[in-house]
């Protein structure tokens, strides 16, 4: 069973820890448990309750009114909000709950509803991307299992592949070419697939090499295609101590290309990026390049 600290609940819900404590004391919104060593913690049920409470509170419901609701009424009010076009925060919370419950039907419904209302581009930028950010928090704090990660990754991957397959790129004369790949041993493909979708949505040609590409094959492809841009994501490889070496190797191997790099391993303050390498702190930065 997952165990969350109050600070982790703050990051996942957007509600300050001080406010959560007040809600506990005044309204009994949550009921924290204690470990054998008397340390307070919260479980998945508490997280889902807080996500629903924070959503209603964000939409103007007074916390005193929310506290009087039965669990069934609380869920019903959230479901009613989900019928409002153009709103995504409630769907992010729905995805979180569906992931924790391994509920594919609820997960699919949330994505499909936003896609019908606003289009797939909005699904990615306003729903999937912030959802993946929250998953990153869960992963870092040890509160998501590989089963949960595989569950959501495969569902999102399917959506991305279908969306990419439906794109019809009309290459303009002189348009720059993008080469997208993941390093050897890297299998976390969602961010790279999204980058592929973004580039293609602007009618730009993409050479998509996918996961687990040996460096020698990257060099062969580059020498044949001579792309203007190279994009990659570092999530689990190389080892943290070897990231700088890998960045430098990319820069010196492909000096004529502009290289965009994204991923958790690149968020180290001591890293230095050569002139032809740009670190992306978030995928919104990549989307703004076009």
C-alpha atoms as a PDB file:
ATOM      1  CA  UNK A   1       0.000   0.000   0.000  1.00  0.00           C
ATOM      2  CA  UNK A   2       1.308   3.458  -0.936  1.00  0.00           C
ATOM      3  CA  UNK A   3       2.240   5.804   1.884  1.00  0.00           C
ATOM      4  CA  UNK A   4       2.380   9.570   1.302  1.00  0.00           C
ATOM      5  CA  UNK A   5       3.809  12.326   3.458  1.00  0.00           C
ATOM      6  CA  UNK A   6       1.868  15.560   3.758  1.00  0.00           C
ATOM      7  CA  UNK A   7       4.504  17.263   1.591  1.00  0.00           C
ATOM      8  CA  UNK A   8       3.905  14.717  -1.168  1.00  0.00           C
ATOM      9  CA  UNK A   9       0.157  15.359  -0.949  1.00  0.00           C
ATOM     10  CA  UNK A  10       0.915  19.064  -1.345  1.00  0.00           C
ATOM     11  CA  UNK A  11       2.871  18.468  -4.566  1.00  0.00           C
ATOM     12  CA  UNK A  12       0.247  16.139  -6.016  1.00  0.00           C
ATOM     13  CA  UNK A  13      -2.852  18.158  -5.109  1.00  0.00           C
ATOM     14  CA  UNK A  14      -1.567  21.731  -5.237  1.00  0.00           C
ATOM     15  CA  UNK A  15      -2.932  22.316  -1.717  1.00  0.00           C
ATOM     16  CA  UNK A  16      -0.395  23.678   0.779  1.00  0.00           C
ATOM     17  CA  UNK A  17       0.539  21.360   3.650  1.00  0.00           C
ATOM     18  CA  UNK A  18      -0.545  24.032   6.162  1.00  0.00           C
ATOM     19  CA  UNK A  19      -4.009  24.150   4.547  1.00  0.00           C
ATOM     20  CA  UNK A  20      -4.284  20.356   4.517  1.00  0.00           C
ATOM     21  CA  UNK A  21      -3.590  20.290   8.274  1.00  0.00           C
ATOM     22  CA  UNK A  22      -6.252  22.940   8.899  1.00  0.00           C
ATOM     23  CA  UNK A  23      -8.772  20.980   6.827  1.00  0.00           C
ATOM     24  CA  UNK A  24      -7.953  17.884   8.864  1.00  0.00           C
ATOM     25  CA  UNK A  25      -8.355  19.615  12.217  1.00  0.00           C
ATOM     26  CA  UNK A  26     -11.472  21.652  11.438  1.00  0.00           C
ATOM     27  CA  UNK A  27     -13.358  19.453   8.987  1.00  0.00           C
ATOM     28  CA  UNK A  28     -11.907  15.916   9.283  1.00  0.00           C
ATOM     29  CA  UNK A  29     -11.346  15.914   5.513  1.00  0.00           C
ATOM     30  CA  UNK A  30      -8.569  13.318   5.854  1.00  0.00           C
ATOM     31  CA  UNK A  31      -7.709  10.746   8.472  1.00  0.00           C
ATOM     32  CA  UNK A  32      -3.943  10.178   8.485  1.00  0.00           C
ATOM     33  CA  UNK A  33      -2.575   6.902   9.776  1.00  0.00           C
ATOM     34  CA  UNK A  34       0.583   6.278  11.797  1.00  0.00           C
ATOM     35  CA  UNK A  35       3.397   3.833  11.304  1.00  0.00           C
ATOM     36  CA  UNK A  36       4.689   1.607  14.081  1.00  0.00           C
ATOM     37  CA  UNK A  37       7.209   4.346  14.809  1.00  0.00           C
ATOM     38  CA  UNK A  38       4.389   6.914  15.130  1.00  0.00           C
ATOM     39  CA  UNK A  39       5.060   8.721  11.825  1.00  0.00           C
ATOM     40  CA  UNK A  40       1.970  10.163  10.122  1.00  0.00           C
ATOM     41  CA  UNK A  41       1.179   9.017   6.593  1.00  0.00           C
ATOM     42  CA  UNK A  42      -1.663   9.020   4.035  1.00  0.00           C
ATOM     43  CA  UNK A  43      -2.843   6.261   1.683  1.00  0.00           C
ATOM     44  CA  UNK A  44      -4.295   6.120  -1.853  1.00  0.00           C
ATOM     45  CA  UNK A  45      -7.824   6.728  -0.545  1.00  0.00           C
ATOM     46  CA  UNK A  46      -6.676   9.926   1.165  1.00  0.00           C
ATOM     47  CA  UNK A  47      -4.942  11.085  -2.024  1.00  0.00           C
ATOM     48  CA  UNK A  48      -8.041  10.512  -4.170  1.00  0.00           C
ATOM     49  CA  UNK A  49     -10.233  12.278  -1.602  1.00  0.00           C
ATOM     50  CA  UNK A  50      -7.908  15.276  -1.482  1.00  0.00           C
ATOM     51  CA  UNK A  51      -7.756  15.475  -5.295  1.00  0.00           C
ATOM     52  CA  UNK A  52     -11.566  15.660  -5.405  1.00  0.00           C
ATOM     53  CA  UNK A  53     -11.749  18.155  -2.547  1.00  0.00           C
ATOM     54  CA  UNK A  54      -9.080  20.398  -4.081  1.00  0.00           C
ATOM     55  CA  UNK A  55     -10.890  20.362  -7.439  1.00  0.00           C
ATOM     56  CA  UNK A  56     -14.240  21.396  -5.951  1.00  0.00           C
ATOM     57  CA  UNK A  57     -12.558  24.048  -3.823  1.00  0.00           C
ATOM     58  CA  UNK A  58     -10.759  25.384  -6.909  1.00  0.00           C
ATOM     59  CA  UNK A  59     -14.124  25.677  -8.674  1.00  0.00           C
ATOM     60  CA  UNK A  60     -15.637  27.797  -5.918  1.00  0.00           C
ATOM     61  CA  UNK A  61     -17.102  25.264  -3.487  1.00  0.00           C
ATOM     62  CA  UNK A  62     -16.603  26.300   0.150  1.00  0.00           C
ATOM     63  CA  UNK A  63     -14.586  23.813   2.163  1.00  0.00           C
ATOM     64  CA  UNK A  64     -17.263  23.805   4.889  1.00  0.00           C
ATOM     65  CA  UNK A  65     -19.824  22.635   2.304  1.00  0.00           C
ATOM     66  CA  UNK A  66     -17.469  20.019   0.848  1.00  0.00           C
ATOM     67  CA  UNK A  67     -16.800  18.622   4.324  1.00  0.00           C
ATOM     68  CA  UNK A  68     -20.526  17.912   4.778  1.00  0.00           C
ATOM     69  CA  UNK A  69     -20.732  15.815   1.600  1.00  0.00           C
ATOM     70  CA  UNK A  70     -20.916  12.035   1.735  1.00  0.00           C
ATOM     71  CA  UNK A  71     -18.241  10.245  -0.357  1.00  0.00           C
ATOM     72  CA  UNK A  72     -20.822   9.380  -3.046  1.00  0.00           C
ATOM     73  CA  UNK A  73     -21.978  13.018  -3.286  1.00  0.00           C
ATOM     74  CA  UNK A  74     -18.381  14.232  -3.498  1.00  0.00           C
ATOM     75  CA  UNK A  75     -17.703  11.950  -6.464  1.00  0.00           C
ATOM     76  CA  UNK A  76     -20.985  12.974  -8.125  1.00  0.00           C
ATOM     77  CA  UNK A  77     -20.116  16.676  -7.907  1.00  0.00           C
ATOM     78  CA  UNK A  78     -16.716  16.013  -9.479  1.00  0.00           C
ATOM     79  CA  UNK A  79     -18.350  14.039 -12.280  1.00  0.00           C
ATOM     80  CA  UNK A  80     -20.695  16.962 -12.997  1.00  0.00           C
ATOM     81  CA  UNK A  81     -17.697  19.267 -13.344  1.00  0.00           C
ATOM     82  CA  UNK A  82     -16.205  16.874 -15.867  1.00  0.00           C
ATOM     83  CA  UNK A  83     -19.108  17.652 -18.191  1.00  0.00           C
ATOM     84  CA  UNK A  84     -17.992  21.284 -18.536  1.00  0.00           C
ATOM     85  CA  UNK A  85     -16.159  21.779 -21.885  1.00  0.00           C
ATOM     86  CA  UNK A  86     -12.680  23.289 -21.851  1.00  0.00           C
ATOM     87  CA  UNK A  87     -11.790  22.361 -18.280  1.00  0.00           C
ATOM     88  CA  UNK A  88      -8.898  19.926 -17.803  1.00  0.00           C
ATOM     89  CA  UNK A  89      -7.871  19.995 -14.146  1.00  0.00           C
ATOM     90  CA  UNK A  90     -10.676  17.625 -13.159  1.00  0.00           C
ATOM     91  CA  UNK A  91      -9.627  15.191 -15.875  1.00  0.00           C
ATOM     92  CA  UNK A  92      -6.063  15.198 -14.593  1.00  0.00           C
ATOM     93  CA  UNK A  93      -7.401  14.121 -11.210  1.00  0.00           C
ATOM     94  CA  UNK A  94      -9.568  11.511 -12.947  1.00  0.00           C
ATOM     95  CA  UNK A  95      -6.465  10.094 -14.646  1.00  0.00           C
ATOM     96  CA  UNK A  96      -4.675   9.961 -11.308  1.00  0.00           C
ATOM     97  CA  UNK A  97      -7.518   8.007  -9.680  1.00  0.00           C
ATOM     98  CA  UNK A  98      -7.898   5.722 -12.705  1.00  0.00           C
ATOM     99  CA  UNK A  99      -4.192   4.938 -12.615  1.00  0.00           C
ATOM    100  CA  UNK A 100      -4.242   4.096  -8.912  1.00  0.00           C
ATOM    101  CA  UNK A 101      -7.259   1.834  -9.499  1.00  0.00           C
ATOM    102  CA  UNK A 102      -5.868   0.413 -12.792  1.00  0.00           C
ATOM    103  CA  UNK A 103      -9.217   1.455 -14.308  1.00  0.00           C
ATOM    104  CA  UNK A 104      -8.734   1.478 -18.089  1.00  0.00           C
ATOM    105  CA  UNK A 105     -12.342   2.479 -18.834  1.00  0.00           C
ATOM    106  CA  UNK A 106     -12.163   5.638 -16.690  1.00  0.00           C
ATOM    107  CA  UNK A 107      -8.734   6.472 -18.096  1.00  0.00           C
ATOM    108  CA  UNK A 108      -9.901   6.127 -21.709  1.00  0.00           C
ATOM    109  CA  UNK A 109     -13.093   8.101 -21.072  1.00  0.00           C
ATOM    110  CA  UNK A 110     -11.216  11.092 -19.642  1.00  0.00           C
ATOM    111  CA  UNK A 111      -8.814  11.272 -22.584  1.00  0.00           C
ATOM    112  CA  UNK A 112     -11.522  10.732 -25.193  1.00  0.00           C
ATOM    113  CA  UNK A 113     -13.783  13.409 -23.710  1.00  0.00           C
ATOM    114  CA  UNK A 114     -11.081  16.083 -23.812  1.00  0.00           C
ATOM    115  CA  UNK A 115     -10.071  14.986 -27.325  1.00  0.00           C
ATOM    116  CA  UNK A 116     -13.658  15.385 -28.561  1.00  0.00           C
ATOM    117  CA  UNK A 117     -14.023  18.783 -26.882  1.00  0.00           C
ATOM    118  CA  UNK A 118     -10.680  20.347 -27.787  1.00  0.00           C
ATOM    119  CA  UNK A 119      -8.648  18.115 -30.117  1.00  0.00           C
ATOM    120  CA  UNK A 120      -5.667  15.880 -29.517  1.00  0.00           C
ATOM    121  CA  UNK A 121      -3.190  18.747 -29.273  1.00  0.00           C
ATOM    122  CA  UNK A 122      -5.040  20.036 -26.213  1.00  0.00           C
ATOM    123  CA  UNK A 123      -5.120  16.520 -24.766  1.00  0.00           C
ATOM    124  CA  UNK A 124      -1.334  16.402 -24.800  1.00  0.00           C
ATOM    125  CA  UNK A 125      -0.542  19.941 -23.670  1.00  0.00           C
ATOM    126  CA  UNK A 126      -3.271  20.435 -21.049  1.00  0.00           C
ATOM    127  CA  UNK A 127      -3.984  16.892 -19.873  1.00  0.00           C
ATOM    128  CA  UNK A 128      -1.288  14.296 -20.557  1.00  0.00           C
ATOM    129  CA  UNK A 129       1.720  16.532 -19.952  1.00  0.00           C
ATOM    130  CA  UNK A 130       0.671  17.783 -16.451  1.00  0.00           C
ATOM    131  CA  UNK A 131      -0.470  14.254 -15.638  1.00  0.00           C
ATOM    132  CA  UNK A 132       2.959  12.858 -16.525  1.00  0.00           C
ATOM    133  CA  UNK A 133       4.508  15.525 -14.303  1.00  0.00           C
ATOM    134  CA  UNK A 134       2.483  14.219 -11.364  1.00  0.00           C
ATOM    135  CA  UNK A 135       3.491  10.659 -12.219  1.00  0.00           C
ATOM    136  CA  UNK A 136       7.099  11.816 -12.026  1.00  0.00           C
ATOM    137  CA  UNK A 137       6.481  12.987  -8.467  1.00  0.00           C
ATOM    138  CA  UNK A 138       4.921   9.648  -7.566  1.00  0.00           C
ATOM    139  CA  UNK A 139       7.864   7.795  -9.114  1.00  0.00           C
ATOM    140  CA  UNK A 140      10.446   9.890  -7.271  1.00  0.00           C
ATOM    141  CA  UNK A 141       8.694   9.358  -3.941  1.00  0.00           C
ATOM    142  CA  UNK A 142       8.320   5.609  -4.477  1.00  0.00           C
ATOM    143  CA  UNK A 143       4.523   5.680  -4.508  1.00  0.00           C
ATOM    144  CA  UNK A 144       3.979   4.266  -7.974  1.00  0.00           C
ATOM    145  CA  UNK A 145       4.743   0.675  -8.924  1.00  0.00           C
ATOM    146  CA  UNK A 146       6.120  -0.510 -12.269  1.00  0.00           C
ATOM    147  CA  UNK A 147       2.657  -1.981 -12.880  1.00  0.00           C
ATOM    148  CA  UNK A 148       1.052   1.456 -12.617  1.00  0.00           C
ATOM    149  CA  UNK A 149       3.693   3.014 -14.840  1.00  0.00           C
ATOM    150  CA  UNK A 150       3.309   0.338 -17.527  1.00  0.00           C
ATOM    151  CA  UNK A 151      -0.482   0.618 -17.324  1.00  0.00           C
ATOM    152  CA  UNK A 152      -0.600   4.353 -18.066  1.00  0.00           C
ATOM    153  CA  UNK A 153       2.395   4.373 -20.402  1.00  0.00           C
ATOM    154  CA  UNK A 154       0.905   1.772 -22.718  1.00  0.00           C
ATOM    155  CA  UNK A 155      -2.472   3.533 -22.854  1.00  0.00           C
ATOM    156  CA  UNK A 156      -0.923   6.934 -23.605  1.00  0.00           C
ATOM    157  CA  UNK A 157       1.511   5.389 -26.076  1.00  0.00           C
ATOM    158  CA  UNK A 158      -1.410   3.880 -28.000  1.00  0.00           C
ATOM    159  CA  UNK A 159      -3.109   7.292 -28.196  1.00  0.00           C
ATOM    160  CA  UNK A 160       0.054   8.982 -29.426  1.00  0.00           C
ATOM    161  CA  UNK A 161       0.749   6.379 -32.102  1.00  0.00           C
ATOM    162  CA  UNK A 162      -2.813   6.628 -33.438  1.00  0.00           C
ATOM    163  CA  UNK A 163      -2.559  10.442 -33.514  1.00  0.00           C
ATOM    164  CA  UNK A 164       0.827  10.324 -35.268  1.00  0.00           C
ATOM    165  CA  UNK A 165      -0.466   7.791 -37.779  1.00  0.00           C
ATOM    166  CA  UNK A 166      -3.310  10.164 -38.631  1.00  0.00           C
ATOM    167  CA  UNK A 167      -0.973  13.032 -39.475  1.00  0.00           C
ATOM    168  CA  UNK A 168      -0.306  13.796 -43.125  1.00  0.00           C
ATOM    169  CA  UNK A 169       2.974  15.694 -43.382  1.00  0.00           C
ATOM    170  CA  UNK A 170       3.351  17.870 -46.478  1.00  0.00           C
ATOM    171  CA  UNK A 171       7.030  18.714 -46.554  1.00  0.00           C
ATOM    172  CA  UNK A 172       7.753  22.231 -47.753  1.00  0.00           C
ATOM    173  CA  UNK A 173      10.845  22.816 -49.930  1.00  0.00           C
ATOM    174  CA  UNK A 174      13.845  23.544 -47.738  1.00  0.00           C
ATOM    175  CA  UNK A 175      12.078  22.503 -44.518  1.00  0.00           C
ATOM    176  CA  UNK A 176      14.493  21.395 -41.773  1.00  0.00           C
ATOM    177  CA  UNK A 177      14.669  17.694 -40.896  1.00  0.00           C
ATOM    178  CA  UNK A 178      14.474  16.316 -37.341  1.00  0.00           C
ATOM    179  CA  UNK A 179      16.116  13.098 -36.135  1.00  0.00           C
ATOM    180  CA  UNK A 180      14.516  11.688 -32.976  1.00  0.00           C
ATOM    181  CA  UNK A 181      15.960   8.799 -30.974  1.00  0.00           C
ATOM    182  CA  UNK A 182      16.516   7.331 -27.508  1.00  0.00           C
ATOM    183  CA  UNK A 183      19.993   6.202 -26.422  1.00  0.00           C
ATOM    184  CA  UNK A 184      20.917   2.550 -26.098  1.00  0.00           C
ATOM    185  CA  UNK A 185      19.199   1.139 -22.999  1.00  0.00           C
ATOM    186  CA  UNK A 186      16.588   3.913 -22.829  1.00  0.00           C
ATOM    187  CA  UNK A 187      13.025   2.613 -23.158  1.00  0.00           C
ATOM    188  CA  UNK A 188      10.892   5.494 -21.804  1.00  0.00           C
ATOM    189  CA  UNK A 189       9.387   6.625 -25.103  1.00  0.00           C
ATOM    190  CA  UNK A 190       6.398   8.844 -24.265  1.00  0.00           C
ATOM    191  CA  UNK A 191       8.206  12.184 -24.310  1.00  0.00           C
ATOM    192  CA  UNK A 192       9.943  11.336 -27.596  1.00  0.00           C
ATOM    193  CA  UNK A 193       6.643  10.266 -29.175  1.00  0.00           C
ATOM    194  CA  UNK A 194       5.125  13.584 -28.126  1.00  0.00           C
ATOM    195  CA  UNK A 195       8.063  15.443 -29.679  1.00  0.00           C
ATOM    196  CA  UNK A 196       7.465  13.424 -32.859  1.00  0.00           C
ATOM    197  CA  UNK A 197       3.805  14.435 -32.819  1.00  0.00           C
ATOM    198  CA  UNK A 198       4.688  18.117 -32.314  1.00  0.00           C
ATOM    199  CA  UNK A 199       7.231  18.250 -35.136  1.00  0.00           C
ATOM    200  CA  UNK A 200       4.950  16.455 -37.584  1.00  0.00           C
ATOM    201  CA  UNK A 201       2.015  18.693 -36.648  1.00  0.00           C
ATOM    202  CA  UNK A 202       4.019  21.576 -38.135  1.00  0.00           C
ATOM    203  CA  UNK A 203       4.525  19.717 -41.430  1.00  0.00           C
ATOM    204  CA  UNK A 204       8.222  19.115 -40.761  1.00  0.00           C
ATOM    205  CA  UNK A 205       9.936  15.850 -41.787  1.00  0.00           C
ATOM    206  CA  UNK A 206      10.966  13.489 -38.992  1.00  0.00           C
ATOM    207  CA  UNK A 207      13.316  10.517 -38.958  1.00  0.00           C
ATOM    208  CA  UNK A 208      12.037   8.608 -35.929  1.00  0.00           C
ATOM    209  CA  UNK A 209      14.516   5.995 -34.680  1.00  0.00           C
ATOM    210  CA  UNK A 210      12.698   5.182 -31.434  1.00  0.00           C
ATOM    211  CA  UNK A 211      14.045   3.349 -28.418  1.00  0.00           C
ATOM    212  CA  UNK A 212      17.398   1.794 -27.581  1.00  0.00           C
ATOM    213  CA  UNK A 213      19.502   3.115 -30.490  1.00  0.00           C
ATOM    214  CA  UNK A 214      23.247   2.293 -30.365  1.00  0.00           C
ATOM    215  CA  UNK A 215      25.435   5.337 -30.900  1.00  0.00           C
ATOM    216  CA  UNK A 216      27.085   3.821 -33.965  1.00  0.00           C
ATOM    217  CA  UNK A 217      23.647   3.526 -35.632  1.00  0.00           C
ATOM    218  CA  UNK A 218      22.902   7.131 -34.712  1.00  0.00           C
ATOM    219  CA  UNK A 219      26.114   8.169 -36.473  1.00  0.00           C
ATOM    220  CA  UNK A 220      25.257   6.120 -39.569  1.00  0.00           C
ATOM    221  CA  UNK A 221      21.785   7.643 -39.781  1.00  0.00           C
ATOM    222  CA  UNK A 222      23.100  11.152 -39.272  1.00  0.00           C
ATOM    223  CA  UNK A 223      25.722  10.774 -41.981  1.00  0.00           C
ATOM    224  CA  UNK A 224      23.100   9.516 -44.425  1.00  0.00           C
ATOM    225  CA  UNK A 225      20.341  12.038 -43.664  1.00  0.00           C
ATOM    226  CA  UNK A 226      22.271  15.071 -42.355  1.00  0.00           C
ATOM    227  CA  UNK A 227      19.340  16.292 -40.215  1.00  0.00           C
ATOM    228  CA  UNK A 228      19.245  19.895 -39.028  1.00  0.00           C
ATOM    229  CA  UNK A 229      18.025  18.932 -35.560  1.00  0.00           C
ATOM    230  CA  UNK A 230      18.585  15.967 -33.242  1.00  0.00           C
ATOM    231  CA  UNK A 231      16.205  15.370 -30.334  1.00  0.00           C
ATOM    232  CA  UNK A 232      16.613  12.880 -27.508  1.00  0.00           C
ATOM    233  CA  UNK A 233      15.376  12.156 -23.977  1.00  0.00           C
ATOM    234  CA  UNK A 234      17.468  10.898 -21.037  1.00  0.00           C
ATOM    235  CA  UNK A 235      15.332   9.320 -18.335  1.00  0.00           C
ATOM    236  CA  UNK A 236      17.202   6.260 -17.067  1.00  0.00           C
ATOM    237  CA  UNK A 237      20.462   6.139 -19.063  1.00  0.00           C
ATOM    238  CA  UNK A 238      23.324   6.863 -18.948  1.00  0.00           C
ATOM    239  CA  UNK A 239      24.343   6.786 -15.276  1.00  0.00           C
ATOM    240  CA  UNK A 240      24.091  10.210 -13.642  1.00  0.00           C
ATOM    241  CA  UNK A 241      27.878  10.464 -13.449  1.00  0.00           C
ATOM    242  CA  UNK A 242      28.165   9.926 -17.216  1.00  0.00           C
ATOM    243  CA  UNK A 243      25.547  12.409 -18.420  1.00  0.00           C
ATOM    244  CA  UNK A 244      28.051  15.219 -19.017  1.00  0.00           C
ATOM    245  CA  UNK A 245      30.249  12.876 -21.032  1.00  0.00           C
ATOM    246  CA  UNK A 246      27.265  11.864 -23.179  1.00  0.00           C
ATOM    247  CA  UNK A 247      26.216  15.490 -23.771  1.00  0.00           C
ATOM    248  CA  UNK A 248      29.727  16.384 -24.837  1.00  0.00           C
ATOM    249  CA  UNK A 249      29.953  13.342 -27.118  1.00  0.00           C
ATOM    250  CA  UNK A 250      26.737  14.325 -28.900  1.00  0.00           C
ATOM    251  CA  UNK A 251      27.967  17.865 -29.379  1.00  0.00           C
ATOM    252  CA  UNK A 252      31.347  16.919 -30.817  1.00  0.00           C
ATOM    253  CA  UNK A 253      29.988  14.075 -32.982  1.00  0.00           C
ATOM    254  CA  UNK A 254      27.344  16.261 -34.647  1.00  0.00           C
ATOM    255  CA  UNK A 255      28.707  19.827 -34.560  1.00  0.00           C
ATOM    256  CA  UNK A 256      26.555  21.051 -37.457  1.00  0.00           C
ATOM    257  CA  UNK A 257      23.262  19.975 -35.860  1.00  0.00           C
ATOM    258  CA  UNK A 258      21.231  21.721 -33.189  1.00  0.00           C
ATOM    259  CA  UNK A 259      20.591  19.185 -30.428  1.00  0.00           C
ATOM    260  CA  UNK A 260      17.587  19.338 -28.089  1.00  0.00           C
ATOM    261  CA  UNK A 261      17.804  17.226 -24.939  1.00  0.00           C
ATOM    262  CA  UNK A 262      15.082  16.595 -22.388  1.00  0.00           C
ATOM    263  CA  UNK A 263      14.677  14.335 -19.350  1.00  0.00           C
ATOM    264  CA  UNK A 264      15.157  14.011 -15.597  1.00  0.00           C
ATOM    265  CA  UNK A 265      18.852  13.118 -15.906  1.00  0.00           C
ATOM    266  CA  UNK A 266      19.537  16.507 -17.463  1.00  0.00           C
ATOM    267  CA  UNK A 267      18.127  18.457 -14.515  1.00  0.00           C
ATOM    268  CA  UNK A 268      21.479  18.575 -12.746  1.00  0.00           C
ATOM    269  CA  UNK A 269      22.785  22.036 -11.905  1.00  0.00           C
ATOM    270  CA  UNK A 270      26.448  21.242 -12.592  1.00  0.00           C
ATOM    271  CA  UNK A 271      25.899  20.150 -16.220  1.00  0.00           C
ATOM    272  CA  UNK A 272      27.384  22.316 -18.950  1.00  0.00           C
ATOM    273  CA  UNK A 273      25.845  22.456 -22.411  1.00  0.00           C
ATOM    274  CA  UNK A 274      27.896  23.277 -25.523  1.00  0.00           C
ATOM    275  CA  UNK A 275      26.681  25.951 -27.918  1.00  0.00           C
ATOM    276  CA  UNK A 276      24.885  23.505 -30.240  1.00  0.00           C
ATOM    277  CA  UNK A 277      23.092  21.671 -27.390  1.00  0.00           C
ATOM    278  CA  UNK A 278      19.963  23.027 -25.712  1.00  0.00           C
ATOM    279  CA  UNK A 279      18.448  21.531 -22.586  1.00  0.00           C
ATOM    280  CA  UNK A 280      14.661  21.546 -22.387  1.00  0.00           C
ATOM    281  CA  UNK A 281      13.328  21.983 -18.864  1.00  0.00           C
ATOM    282  CA  UNK A 282       9.837  21.041 -20.023  1.00  0.00           C
ATOM    283  CA  UNK A 283       8.141  19.921 -23.214  1.00  0.00           C
ATOM    284  CA  UNK A 284       6.258  23.215 -23.394  1.00  0.00           C
ATOM    285  CA  UNK A 285       9.620  24.778 -24.271  1.00  0.00           C
ATOM    286  CA  UNK A 286       9.910  22.414 -27.224  1.00  0.00           C
ATOM    287  CA  UNK A 287       6.365  23.207 -28.378  1.00  0.00           C
ATOM    288  CA  UNK A 288       7.172  26.944 -28.344  1.00  0.00           C
ATOM    289  CA  UNK A 289      10.046  26.443 -30.798  1.00  0.00           C
ATOM    290  CA  UNK A 290       7.639  26.192 -33.731  1.00  0.00           C
END
